[in-house]
Amino acid sequence: MSTVRVLDLGDNIVDRFVDRGVEYPGGSAVNVAVFARQLGAEAAYLEVFGDDEQGRFVRGAIEDCGVDTSRSSVRPGPSRVTEIETVDGERRFLGWNQGGVTLSDPVRLSEEDVRYASGFSIIHSSAYSGIIPELPKLAATRTLRSYDFSSEPEYRTAEYLDAVGPWVDLALVSLGDLSRTDTWAELRRIASHGPSLVLGTLGEGGAVLFDGDAYYYSDAAPVPGPFVDTMGCGDAYVSAFVVELLRSGWRRNARAAGAALHRSMRRAAQFAARRCTVEGAFGHGRAVDGAVRVGSLPPVAAGDAG
């Protein structure tokens, strides 16, 4: 079996839990890279880090988890920081610092970067990454591409889907608040913009996948230990689903079999459930510096929270 190689392009962030006085490294793309590595895949992260202490903290944590960051760069400017509190295990976003350098000065792929990306099994990114202008460049590769549209409706408008959908093979979306009928319709609508697979996570309701012809369902798995919080659980699901499906032989222009889709969804649910027993997305927490004034960041607007 060939080695699964996952490349992540996108956001890195410091998640500061004000109720714990602890901050953790995170970001959708970072989490997927780390989780893929935990699942035995080779993983790399290509993006921009801020030149501040928080940027060094996040990069060090990623590398400590075995993720290659050698093609990433450091640029002048702050890292993204989000303040969060936990209420009954669920995250509540309080404020953030306008996105940091991953949004103000995001990665722009060179020809050499594209050649590098072509050596991976899949390239993953998200709506929080400022990566849309780079997606057409990756069409020159035969590498699969996945994209997390998150939960905010602003990332699922027809205009947004037209900009992203034609360039990705797997679309991921959080649809926890929709009815089953509305979920079917939304997955089908997203698929009409280009992705061959659309996977919707439904929180405690499990997940549903549409492959252009049929729908596949997976229940949520029980949490195998003391519940801590849901931070990173969606990213854990994505990582495990992708890694398992790639190991089953999923490739560009090779339709995944129903049995492989079912198996990948079950294993993804189990892996995501285990993440609910870990503080932060993947640990590596540290005490918040006493000089940082909690509550000093601007409030999170709809669509801003990662």
C-alpha atoms as a PDB file:
ATOM      1  CA  MET A   1       0.000   0.000   0.000  1.00  0.00           C
ATOM      2  CA  SER A   2       1.468   3.338  -1.002  1.00  0.00           C
ATOM      3  CA  THR A   3       2.053   5.991   1.624  1.00  0.00           C
ATOM      4  CA  VAL A   4      -0.724   8.539   2.132  1.00  0.00           C
ATOM      5  CA  ARG A   5       0.643  12.084   1.977  1.00  0.00           C
ATOM      6  CA  VAL A   6      -1.479  15.039   3.113  1.00  0.00           C
ATOM      7  CA  LEU A   7      -0.607  18.682   2.401  1.00  0.00           C
ATOM      8  CA  ASP A   8      -2.486  21.444   4.229  1.00  0.00           C
ATOM      9  CA  LEU A   9      -2.719  25.026   3.031  1.00  0.00           C
ATOM     10  CA  GLY A  10      -4.422  27.411   5.363  1.00  0.00           C
ATOM     11  CA  ASP A  11      -5.063  28.969   8.698  1.00  0.00           C
ATOM     12  CA  ASN A  12      -2.990  28.728  11.830  1.00  0.00           C
ATOM     13  CA  ILE A  13      -4.230  30.266  15.050  1.00  0.00           C
ATOM     14  CA  VAL A  14      -3.852  30.461  18.811  1.00  0.00           C
ATOM     15  CA  ASP A  15      -7.035  29.358  20.574  1.00  0.00           C
ATOM     16  CA  ARG A  16      -7.114  31.104  23.962  1.00  0.00           C
ATOM     17  CA  PHE A  17      -9.572  29.566  26.438  1.00  0.00           C
ATOM     18  CA  VAL A  18     -10.340  32.312  28.909  1.00  0.00           C
ATOM     19  CA  ASP A  19     -12.153  29.982  31.324  1.00  0.00           C
ATOM     20  CA  ARG A  20      -9.071  27.758  31.605  1.00  0.00           C
ATOM     21  CA  GLY A  21      -6.351  30.386  31.368  1.00  0.00           C
ATOM     22  CA  VAL A  22      -4.743  28.172  28.705  1.00  0.00           C
ATOM     23  CA  GLU A  23      -4.048  28.690  25.011  1.00  0.00           C
ATOM     24  CA  TYR A  24      -3.557  26.027  22.350  1.00  0.00           C
ATOM     25  CA  PRO A  25      -2.240  25.879  18.784  1.00  0.00           C
ATOM     26  CA  GLY A  26      -4.939  25.338  16.179  1.00  0.00           C
ATOM     27  CA  GLY A  27      -6.616  26.303  12.939  1.00  0.00           C
ATOM     28  CA  SER A  28      -8.546  24.002  10.608  1.00  0.00           C
ATOM     29  CA  ALA A  29      -5.641  23.326   8.245  1.00  0.00           C
ATOM     30  CA  VAL A  30      -3.174  22.879  11.102  1.00  0.00           C
ATOM     31  CA  ASN A  31      -5.486  20.445  12.885  1.00  0.00           C
ATOM     32  CA  VAL A  32      -6.059  18.318   9.793  1.00  0.00           C
ATOM     33  CA  ALA A  33      -2.299  18.069   9.203  1.00  0.00           C
ATOM     34  CA  VAL A  34      -1.601  17.038  12.799  1.00  0.00           C
ATOM     35  CA  PHE A  35      -4.433  14.507  12.882  1.00  0.00           C
ATOM     36  CA  ALA A  36      -3.374  13.001   9.550  1.00  0.00           C
ATOM     37  CA  ARG A  37       0.094  12.505  11.001  1.00  0.00           C
ATOM     38  CA  GLN A  38      -1.378  10.864  14.108  1.00  0.00           C
ATOM     39  CA  LEU A  39      -3.193   8.482  11.781  1.00  0.00           C
ATOM     40  CA  GLY A  40       0.074   7.399  10.187  1.00  0.00           C
ATOM     41  CA  ALA A  41       0.078   9.567   7.065  1.00  0.00           C
ATOM     42  CA  GLU A  42       2.927  11.812   6.031  1.00  0.00           C
ATOM     43  CA  ALA A  43       1.790  15.379   6.599  1.00  0.00           C
ATOM     44  CA  ALA A  44       3.059  18.817   5.633  1.00  0.00           C
ATOM     45  CA  TYR A  45       1.821  22.351   6.210  1.00  0.00           C
ATOM     46  CA  LEU A  46       2.494  25.175   3.756  1.00  0.00           C
ATOM     47  CA  GLU A  47       1.411  28.650   4.853  1.00  0.00           C
ATOM     48  CA  VAL A  48       2.476  31.896   6.481  1.00  0.00           C
ATOM     49  CA  PHE A  49       3.377  32.310  10.147  1.00  0.00           C
ATOM     50  CA  GLY A  50       3.441  35.627  11.954  1.00  0.00           C
ATOM     51  CA  ASP A  51       6.835  36.782  13.181  1.00  0.00           C
ATOM     52  CA  ASP A  52       5.583  37.082  16.769  1.00  0.00           C
ATOM     53  CA  GLU A  53       5.899  34.747  19.713  1.00  0.00           C
ATOM     54  CA  GLN A  54       2.503  33.174  19.017  1.00  0.00           C
ATOM     55  CA  GLY A  55       3.661  32.257  15.508  1.00  0.00           C
ATOM     56  CA  ARG A  56       6.705  30.515  16.925  1.00  0.00           C
ATOM     57  CA  PHE A  57       4.505  28.719  19.451  1.00  0.00           C
ATOM     58  CA  VAL A  58       2.153  27.324  16.796  1.00  0.00           C
ATOM     59  CA  ARG A  59       4.920  26.324  14.401  1.00  0.00           C
ATOM     60  CA  GLY A  60       6.853  24.591  17.155  1.00  0.00           C
ATOM     61  CA  ALA A  61       3.790  22.590  18.181  1.00  0.00           C
ATOM     62  CA  ILE A  62       3.096  21.500  14.602  1.00  0.00           C
ATOM     63  CA  GLU A  63       6.667  20.364  14.096  1.00  0.00           C
ATOM     64  CA  ASP A  64       6.649  18.576  17.457  1.00  0.00           C
ATOM     65  CA  CYS A  65       3.736  16.518  16.110  1.00  0.00           C
ATOM     66  CA  GLY A  66       5.822  15.416  13.123  1.00  0.00           C
ATOM     67  CA  VAL A  67       4.341  17.739  10.497  1.00  0.00           C
ATOM     68  CA  ASP A  68       6.782  19.203   7.961  1.00  0.00           C
ATOM     69  CA  THR A  69       6.625  23.023   7.805  1.00  0.00           C
ATOM     70  CA  SER A  70       9.804  23.535   5.788  1.00  0.00           C
ATOM     71  CA  ARG A  71       8.048  25.258   2.874  1.00  0.00           C
ATOM     72  CA  SER A  72       6.159  27.671   5.099  1.00  0.00           C
ATOM     73  CA  SER A  73       7.345  31.238   5.508  1.00  0.00           C
ATOM     74  CA  VAL A  74       7.421  33.867   8.260  1.00  0.00           C
ATOM     75  CA  ARG A  75       6.098  37.344   7.516  1.00  0.00           C
ATOM     76  CA  PRO A  76       5.957  40.525   9.578  1.00  0.00           C
ATOM     77  CA  GLY A  77       2.711  40.797  11.452  1.00  0.00           C
ATOM     78  CA  PRO A  78       0.638  39.215  14.199  1.00  0.00           C
ATOM     79  CA  SER A  79      -0.604  35.673  14.433  1.00  0.00           C
ATOM     80  CA  ARG A  80      -4.324  35.131  14.646  1.00  0.00           C
ATOM     81  CA  VAL A  81      -5.614  34.799  18.204  1.00  0.00           C
ATOM     82  CA  THR A  82      -9.165  33.874  19.146  1.00  0.00           C
ATOM     83  CA  GLU A  83     -10.614  34.049  22.660  1.00  0.00           C
ATOM     84  CA  ILE A  84     -12.989  31.224  23.584  1.00  0.00           C
ATOM     85  CA  GLU A  85     -14.884  29.989  26.584  1.00  0.00           C
ATOM     86  CA  THR A  86     -16.377  26.556  27.082  1.00  0.00           C
ATOM     87  CA  VAL A  87     -20.026  26.182  28.074  1.00  0.00           C
ATOM     88  CA  ASP A  88     -21.138  22.594  28.752  1.00  0.00           C
ATOM     89  CA  GLY A  89     -18.325  21.349  26.536  1.00  0.00           C
ATOM     90  CA  GLU A  90     -19.263  23.551  23.579  1.00  0.00           C
ATOM     91  CA  ARG A  91     -17.097  26.423  22.347  1.00  0.00           C
ATOM     92  CA  ARG A  92     -18.299  30.015  22.515  1.00  0.00           C
ATOM     93  CA  PHE A  93     -16.159  32.480  20.571  1.00  0.00           C
ATOM     94  CA  LEU A  94     -15.663  35.802  22.334  1.00  0.00           C
ATOM     95  CA  GLY A  95     -13.301  37.844  20.155  1.00  0.00           C
ATOM     96  CA  TRP A  96     -10.367  37.795  17.776  1.00  0.00           C
ATOM     97  CA  ASN A  97      -7.642  40.052  16.367  1.00  0.00           C
ATOM     98  CA  GLN A  98      -8.848  40.495  12.772  1.00  0.00           C
ATOM     99  CA  GLY A  99      -7.261  37.388  11.349  1.00  0.00           C
ATOM    100  CA  GLY A 100      -3.491  37.865  11.515  1.00  0.00           C
ATOM    101  CA  VAL A 101      -1.059  37.439   8.622  1.00  0.00           C
ATOM    102  CA  THR A 102      -2.645  34.248   7.269  1.00  0.00           C
ATOM    103  CA  LEU A 103      -5.486  36.450   6.032  1.00  0.00           C
ATOM    104  CA  SER A 104      -3.797  39.847   5.594  1.00  0.00           C
ATOM    105  CA  ASP A 105      -0.799  38.407   3.722  1.00  0.00           C
ATOM    106  CA  PRO A 106      -1.633  34.761   2.862  1.00  0.00           C
ATOM    107  CA  VAL A 107       0.491  32.269   0.991  1.00  0.00           C
ATOM    108  CA  ARG A 108       0.781  32.687  -2.772  1.00  0.00           C
ATOM    109  CA  LEU A 109       1.965  29.549  -4.517  1.00  0.00           C
ATOM    110  CA  SER A 110       5.014  29.642  -6.768  1.00  0.00           C
ATOM    111  CA  GLU A 111       5.562  27.199  -9.623  1.00  0.00           C
ATOM    112  CA  GLU A 112       7.947  25.341  -7.348  1.00  0.00           C
ATOM    113  CA  ASP A 113       5.252  25.149  -4.652  1.00  0.00           C
ATOM    114  CA  VAL A 114       2.815  23.655  -7.175  1.00  0.00           C
ATOM    115  CA  ARG A 115       5.375  21.026  -8.198  1.00  0.00           C
ATOM    116  CA  TYR A 116       5.884  20.237  -4.512  1.00  0.00           C
ATOM    117  CA  ALA A 117       2.118  19.925  -3.988  1.00  0.00           C
ATOM    118  CA  SER A 118       1.833  17.492  -6.896  1.00  0.00           C
ATOM    119  CA  GLY A 119       3.714  14.896  -4.855  1.00  0.00           C
ATOM    120  CA  PHE A 120       0.928  14.574  -2.278  1.00  0.00           C
ATOM    121  CA  SER A 121      -2.139  12.359  -2.190  1.00  0.00           C
ATOM    122  CA  ILE A 122      -4.445  15.227  -1.254  1.00  0.00           C
ATOM    123  CA  ILE A 123      -4.295  18.972  -0.602  1.00  0.00           C
ATOM    124  CA  HIS A 124      -6.628  20.319   2.070  1.00  0.00           C
ATOM    125  CA  SER A 125      -7.709  23.867   2.819  1.00  0.00           C
ATOM    126  CA  SER A 126     -10.615  25.781   4.327  1.00  0.00           C
ATOM    127  CA  ALA A 127     -12.781  28.863   4.155  1.00  0.00           C
ATOM    128  CA  TYR A 128     -10.579  30.601   6.749  1.00  0.00           C
ATOM    129  CA  SER A 129      -7.407  30.444   4.695  1.00  0.00           C
ATOM    130  CA  GLY A 130      -7.463  33.145   2.007  1.00  0.00           C
ATOM    131  CA  ILE A 131      -6.517  30.440  -0.476  1.00  0.00           C
ATOM    132  CA  ILE A 132      -9.196  30.830  -3.162  1.00  0.00           C
ATOM    133  CA  PRO A 133      -6.962  32.681  -5.692  1.00  0.00           C
ATOM    134  CA  GLU A 134      -4.488  29.784  -5.512  1.00  0.00           C
ATOM    135  CA  LEU A 135      -6.921  26.935  -6.205  1.00  0.00           C
ATOM    136  CA  PRO A 136      -6.784  27.182 -10.022  1.00  0.00           C
ATOM    137  CA  LYS A 137      -2.999  26.800  -9.882  1.00  0.00           C
ATOM    138  CA  LEU A 138      -3.422  23.381  -8.299  1.00  0.00           C
ATOM    139  CA  ALA A 139      -5.571  22.157 -11.181  1.00  0.00           C
ATOM    140  CA  ALA A 140      -2.340  21.421 -13.071  1.00  0.00           C
ATOM    141  CA  THR A 141      -1.659  18.583 -10.608  1.00  0.00           C
ATOM    142  CA  ARG A 142      -3.436  15.249 -10.377  1.00  0.00           C
ATOM    143  CA  THR A 143      -3.531  15.607  -6.616  1.00  0.00           C
ATOM    144  CA  LEU A 144      -6.956  15.371  -4.975  1.00  0.00           C
ATOM    145  CA  ARG A 145      -8.194  18.518  -3.249  1.00  0.00           C
ATOM    146  CA  SER A 146     -10.521  18.903  -0.274  1.00  0.00           C
ATOM    147  CA  TYR A 147     -12.013  22.102   1.117  1.00  0.00           C
ATOM    148  CA  ASP A 148     -13.842  22.780   4.366  1.00  0.00           C
ATOM    149  CA  PHE A 149     -16.688  25.262   3.873  1.00  0.00           C
ATOM    150  CA  SER A 150     -17.318  25.281   7.639  1.00  0.00           C
ATOM    151  CA  SER A 151     -20.783  26.164   8.991  1.00  0.00           C
ATOM    152  CA  GLU A 152     -21.448  29.785   8.004  1.00  0.00           C
ATOM    153  CA  PRO A 153     -23.941  30.346   5.162  1.00  0.00           C
ATOM    154  CA  GLU A 154     -21.739  33.101   3.705  1.00  0.00           C
ATOM    155  CA  TYR A 155     -19.334  30.369   2.606  1.00  0.00           C
ATOM    156  CA  ARG A 156     -22.098  28.538   0.733  1.00  0.00           C
ATOM    157  CA  THR A 157     -23.544  31.280  -1.446  1.00  0.00           C
ATOM    158  CA  ALA A 158     -23.777  30.495  -5.153  1.00  0.00           C
ATOM    159  CA  GLU A 159     -21.002  33.009  -5.831  1.00  0.00           C
ATOM    160  CA  TYR A 160     -18.674  31.440  -3.263  1.00  0.00           C
ATOM    161  CA  LEU A 161     -19.405  27.909  -4.465  1.00  0.00           C
ATOM    162  CA  ASP A 162     -18.728  28.963  -8.059  1.00  0.00           C
ATOM    163  CA  ALA A 163     -15.312  30.273  -6.972  1.00  0.00           C
ATOM    164  CA  VAL A 164     -14.310  27.131  -5.078  1.00  0.00           C
ATOM    165  CA  GLY A 165     -16.414  24.168  -6.213  1.00  0.00           C
ATOM    166  CA  PRO A 166     -14.868  23.562  -9.655  1.00  0.00           C
ATOM    167  CA  TRP A 167     -11.412  23.226  -8.104  1.00  0.00           C
ATOM    168  CA  VAL A 168     -12.101  20.691  -5.344  1.00  0.00           C
ATOM    169  CA  ASP A 169     -12.932  16.975  -5.267  1.00  0.00           C
ATOM    170  CA  LEU A 170     -14.260  16.760  -1.717  1.00  0.00           C
ATOM    171  CA  ALA A 171     -16.377  19.479  -0.110  1.00  0.00           C
ATOM    172  CA  LEU A 172     -16.835  19.431   3.651  1.00  0.00           C
ATOM    173  CA  VAL A 173     -19.527  21.373   5.464  1.00  0.00           C
ATOM    174  CA  SER A 174     -21.019  21.538   8.955  1.00  0.00           C
ATOM    175  CA  LEU A 175     -24.820  21.278   8.799  1.00  0.00           C
ATOM    176  CA  GLY A 176     -25.804  20.513  12.372  1.00  0.00           C
ATOM    177  CA  ASP A 177     -28.837  22.814  12.393  1.00  0.00           C
ATOM    178  CA  LEU A 178     -30.552  21.547   9.226  1.00  0.00           C
ATOM    179  CA  SER A 179     -33.335  18.994   8.956  1.00  0.00           C
ATOM    180  CA  ARG A 180     -32.641  15.758   7.091  1.00  0.00           C
ATOM    181  CA  THR A 181     -34.546  16.929   4.030  1.00  0.00           C
ATOM    182  CA  ASP A 182     -32.721  20.254   3.984  1.00  0.00           C
ATOM    183  CA  THR A 183     -29.409  18.443   4.460  1.00  0.00           C
ATOM    184  CA  TRP A 184     -30.042  16.282   1.373  1.00  0.00           C
ATOM    185  CA  ALA A 185     -30.895  19.370  -0.657  1.00  0.00           C
ATOM    186  CA  GLU A 186     -27.866  21.320   0.546  1.00  0.00           C
ATOM    187  CA  LEU A 187     -25.400  18.531  -0.206  1.00  0.00           C
ATOM    188  CA  ARG A 188     -26.873  18.112  -3.674  1.00  0.00           C
ATOM    189  CA  ARG A 189     -26.704  21.874  -4.273  1.00  0.00           C
ATOM    190  CA  ILE A 190     -23.035  22.024  -3.284  1.00  0.00           C
ATOM    191  CA  ALA A 191     -22.251  19.043  -5.521  1.00  0.00           C
ATOM    192  CA  SER A 192     -23.822  20.852  -8.477  1.00  0.00           C
ATOM    193  CA  HIS A 193     -20.951  23.364  -8.294  1.00  0.00           C
ATOM    194  CA  GLY A 194     -18.282  20.736  -8.977  1.00  0.00           C
ATOM    195  CA  PRO A 195     -17.175  18.529  -6.049  1.00  0.00           C
ATOM    196  CA  SER A 196     -17.647  14.814  -6.688  1.00  0.00           C
ATOM    197  CA  LEU A 197     -18.054  14.112  -2.947  1.00  0.00           C
ATOM    198  CA  VAL A 198     -19.839  16.326  -0.409  1.00  0.00           C
ATOM    199  CA  LEU A 199     -19.626  15.396   3.263  1.00  0.00           C
ATOM    200  CA  GLY A 200     -21.843  17.083   5.824  1.00  0.00           C
ATOM    201  CA  THR A 201     -21.148  16.702   9.540  1.00  0.00           C
ATOM    202  CA  LEU A 202     -24.169  16.931  11.836  1.00  0.00           C
ATOM    203  CA  GLY A 203     -22.631  17.016  15.318  1.00  0.00           C
ATOM    204  CA  GLU A 204     -24.392  14.510  17.554  1.00  0.00           C
ATOM    205  CA  GLY A 205     -26.467  13.539  14.523  1.00  0.00           C
ATOM    206  CA  GLY A 206     -23.443  11.945  12.838  1.00  0.00           C
ATOM    207  CA  ALA A 207     -22.653  12.658   9.200  1.00  0.00           C
ATOM    208  CA  VAL A 208     -24.097  12.256   5.713  1.00  0.00           C
ATOM    209  CA  LEU A 209     -22.227  12.010   2.413  1.00  0.00           C
ATOM    210  CA  PHE A 210     -23.444  12.536  -1.162  1.00  0.00           C
ATOM    211  CA  ASP A 211     -21.419  11.079  -4.041  1.00  0.00           C
ATOM    212  CA  GLY A 212     -23.515  12.447  -6.894  1.00  0.00           C
ATOM    213  CA  ASP A 213     -25.857   9.463  -6.931  1.00  0.00           C
ATOM    214  CA  ALA A 214     -26.488   8.199  -3.416  1.00  0.00           C
ATOM    215  CA  TYR A 215     -26.441   9.325   0.216  1.00  0.00           C
ATOM    216  CA  TYR A 216     -24.426   7.534   2.908  1.00  0.00           C
ATOM    217  CA  TYR A 217     -24.979   7.901   6.652  1.00  0.00           C
ATOM    218  CA  SER A 218     -22.862   7.404   9.733  1.00  0.00           C
ATOM    219  CA  ASP A 219     -23.923   7.786  13.363  1.00  0.00           C
ATOM    220  CA  ALA A 220     -21.768   9.672  15.820  1.00  0.00           C
ATOM    221  CA  ALA A 221     -19.568   7.360  17.903  1.00  0.00           C
ATOM    222  CA  PRO A 222     -19.699   7.354  21.717  1.00  0.00           C
ATOM    223  CA  VAL A 223     -16.974   9.337  23.453  1.00  0.00           C
ATOM    224  CA  PRO A 224     -14.600   6.737  24.978  1.00  0.00           C
ATOM    225  CA  GLY A 225     -13.732   8.583  28.174  1.00  0.00           C
ATOM    226  CA  PRO A 226     -14.320  11.796  30.107  1.00  0.00           C
ATOM    227  CA  PHE A 227     -15.728  14.461  27.775  1.00  0.00           C
ATOM    228  CA  VAL A 228     -13.611  17.645  27.628  1.00  0.00           C
ATOM    229  CA  ASP A 229     -14.812  19.732  24.668  1.00  0.00           C
ATOM    230  CA  THR A 230     -15.546  19.619  20.933  1.00  0.00           C
ATOM    231  CA  MET A 231     -12.532  21.669  19.802  1.00  0.00           C
ATOM    232  CA  GLY A 232     -11.036  20.080  16.687  1.00  0.00           C
ATOM    233  CA  CYS A 233     -13.574  17.239  16.477  1.00  0.00           C
ATOM    234  CA  GLY A 234     -14.794  18.246  13.017  1.00  0.00           C
ATOM    235  CA  ASP A 235     -11.221  18.471  11.745  1.00  0.00           C
ATOM    236  CA  ALA A 236     -10.505  15.063  13.284  1.00  0.00           C
ATOM    237  CA  TYR A 237     -13.462  13.608  11.378  1.00  0.00           C
ATOM    238  CA  VAL A 238     -12.213  15.109   8.110  1.00  0.00           C
ATOM    239  CA  SER A 239      -8.687  13.811   8.632  1.00  0.00           C
ATOM    240  CA  ALA A 240      -9.706  10.256   9.430  1.00  0.00           C
ATOM    241  CA  PHE A 241     -12.228  10.131   6.586  1.00  0.00           C
ATOM    242  CA  VAL A 242      -9.676  11.315   4.033  1.00  0.00           C
ATOM    243  CA  VAL A 243      -6.829   9.098   5.235  1.00  0.00           C
ATOM    244  CA  GLU A 244      -8.994   5.977   5.334  1.00  0.00           C
ATOM    245  CA  LEU A 245     -10.533   6.660   1.920  1.00  0.00           C
ATOM    246  CA  LEU A 246      -7.117   7.230   0.366  1.00  0.00           C
ATOM    247  CA  ARG A 247      -5.938   3.941   1.821  1.00  0.00           C
ATOM    248  CA  SER A 248      -8.946   2.328   0.173  1.00  0.00           C
ATOM    249  CA  GLY A 249      -7.676   3.436  -3.231  1.00  0.00           C
ATOM    250  CA  TRP A 250      -9.463   6.761  -3.752  1.00  0.00           C
ATOM    251  CA  ARG A 251      -7.751   8.711  -6.518  1.00  0.00           C
ATOM    252  CA  ARG A 252      -8.578  11.419  -9.020  1.00  0.00           C
ATOM    253  CA  ASN A 253     -11.153  10.122 -11.531  1.00  0.00           C
ATOM    254  CA  ALA A 254     -11.479   6.849  -9.567  1.00  0.00           C
ATOM    255  CA  ARG A 255     -14.920   6.635  -7.985  1.00  0.00           C
ATOM    256  CA  ALA A 256     -14.870   5.493  -4.364  1.00  0.00           C
ATOM    257  CA  ALA A 257     -16.897   2.345  -3.698  1.00  0.00           C
ATOM    258  CA  GLY A 258     -19.831   2.477  -1.305  1.00  0.00           C
ATOM    259  CA  ALA A 259     -18.199   0.039   1.116  1.00  0.00           C
ATOM    260  CA  ALA A 260     -15.106   2.222   1.317  1.00  0.00           C
ATOM    261  CA  LEU A 261     -17.217   5.320   1.952  1.00  0.00           C
ATOM    262  CA  HIS A 262     -19.145   3.618   4.762  1.00  0.00           C
ATOM    263  CA  ARG A 263     -15.944   2.295   6.356  1.00  0.00           C
ATOM    264  CA  SER A 264     -14.227   5.685   6.139  1.00  0.00           C
ATOM    265  CA  MET A 265     -17.193   7.430   7.770  1.00  0.00           C
ATOM    266  CA  ARG A 266     -17.325   4.918  10.645  1.00  0.00           C
ATOM    267  CA  ARG A 267     -13.620   5.223  11.364  1.00  0.00           C
ATOM    268  CA  ALA A 268     -13.824   9.003  11.116  1.00  0.00           C
ATOM    269  CA  ALA A 269     -16.631   9.039  13.699  1.00  0.00           C
ATOM    270  CA  GLN A 270     -14.561   6.917  16.091  1.00  0.00           C
ATOM    271  CA  PHE A 271     -11.482   9.105  15.723  1.00  0.00           C
ATOM    272  CA  ALA A 272     -13.510  12.318  16.182  1.00  0.00           C
ATOM    273  CA  ALA A 273     -15.095  10.930  19.346  1.00  0.00           C
ATOM    274  CA  ARG A 274     -11.669  10.284  20.846  1.00  0.00           C
ATOM    275  CA  ARG A 275     -10.713  13.932  20.240  1.00  0.00           C
ATOM    276  CA  CYS A 276     -13.505  15.012  22.583  1.00  0.00           C
ATOM    277  CA  THR A 277     -11.388  13.675  25.469  1.00  0.00           C
ATOM    278  CA  VAL A 278      -8.432  15.998  24.686  1.00  0.00           C
ATOM    279  CA  GLU A 279      -8.055  19.638  25.729  1.00  0.00           C
ATOM    280  CA  GLY A 280      -7.698  21.916  22.724  1.00  0.00           C
ATOM    281  CA  ALA A 281      -7.597  20.401  19.269  1.00  0.00           C
ATOM    282  CA  PHE A 282      -4.451  18.320  19.855  1.00  0.00           C
ATOM    283  CA  GLY A 283      -3.124  19.405  23.240  1.00  0.00           C
ATOM    284  CA  HIS A 284       0.133  21.371  23.497  1.00  0.00           C
ATOM    285  CA  GLY A 285      -1.560  23.917  25.751  1.00  0.00           C
ATOM    286  CA  ARG A 286       0.295  26.510  27.774  1.00  0.00           C
ATOM    287  CA  ALA A 287      -0.715  28.993  30.450  1.00  0.00           C
ATOM    288  CA  VAL A 288      -1.834  32.371  29.157  1.00  0.00           C
ATOM    289  CA  ASP A 289       0.758  35.084  29.804  1.00  0.00           C
ATOM    290  CA  GLY A 290      -0.447  37.279  32.634  1.00  0.00           C
ATOM    291  CA  ALA A 291       0.360  40.330  30.533  1.00  0.00           C
ATOM    292  CA  VAL A 292      -2.387  39.414  28.057  1.00  0.00           C
ATOM    293  CA  ARG A 293      -5.641  41.133  28.947  1.00  0.00           C
ATOM    294  CA  VAL A 294      -8.419  38.610  28.504  1.00  0.00           C
ATOM    295  CA  GLY A 295     -11.454  40.118  26.831  1.00  0.00           C
ATOM    296  CA  SER A 296      -9.396  42.741  25.005  1.00  0.00           C
ATOM    297  CA  LEU A 297     -10.026  41.397  21.505  1.00  0.00           C
ATOM    298  CA  PRO A 298     -12.841  42.614  19.247  1.00  0.00           C
ATOM    299  CA  PRO A 299     -15.996  40.460  19.311  1.00  0.00           C
ATOM    300  CA  VAL A 300     -16.361  37.675  16.766  1.00  0.00           C
ATOM    301  CA  ALA A 301     -18.775  38.461  13.959  1.00  0.00           C
ATOM    302  CA  ALA A 302     -20.798  35.823  12.151  1.00  0.00           C
ATOM    303  CA  GLY A 303     -18.539  33.833   9.843  1.00  0.00           C
ATOM    304  CA  ASP A 304     -15.301  34.819  11.571  1.00  0.00           C
ATOM    305  CA  ALA A 305     -14.818  31.980  14.023  1.00  0.00           C
ATOM    306  CA  GLY A 306     -12.566  29.144  12.950  1.00  0.00           C
END
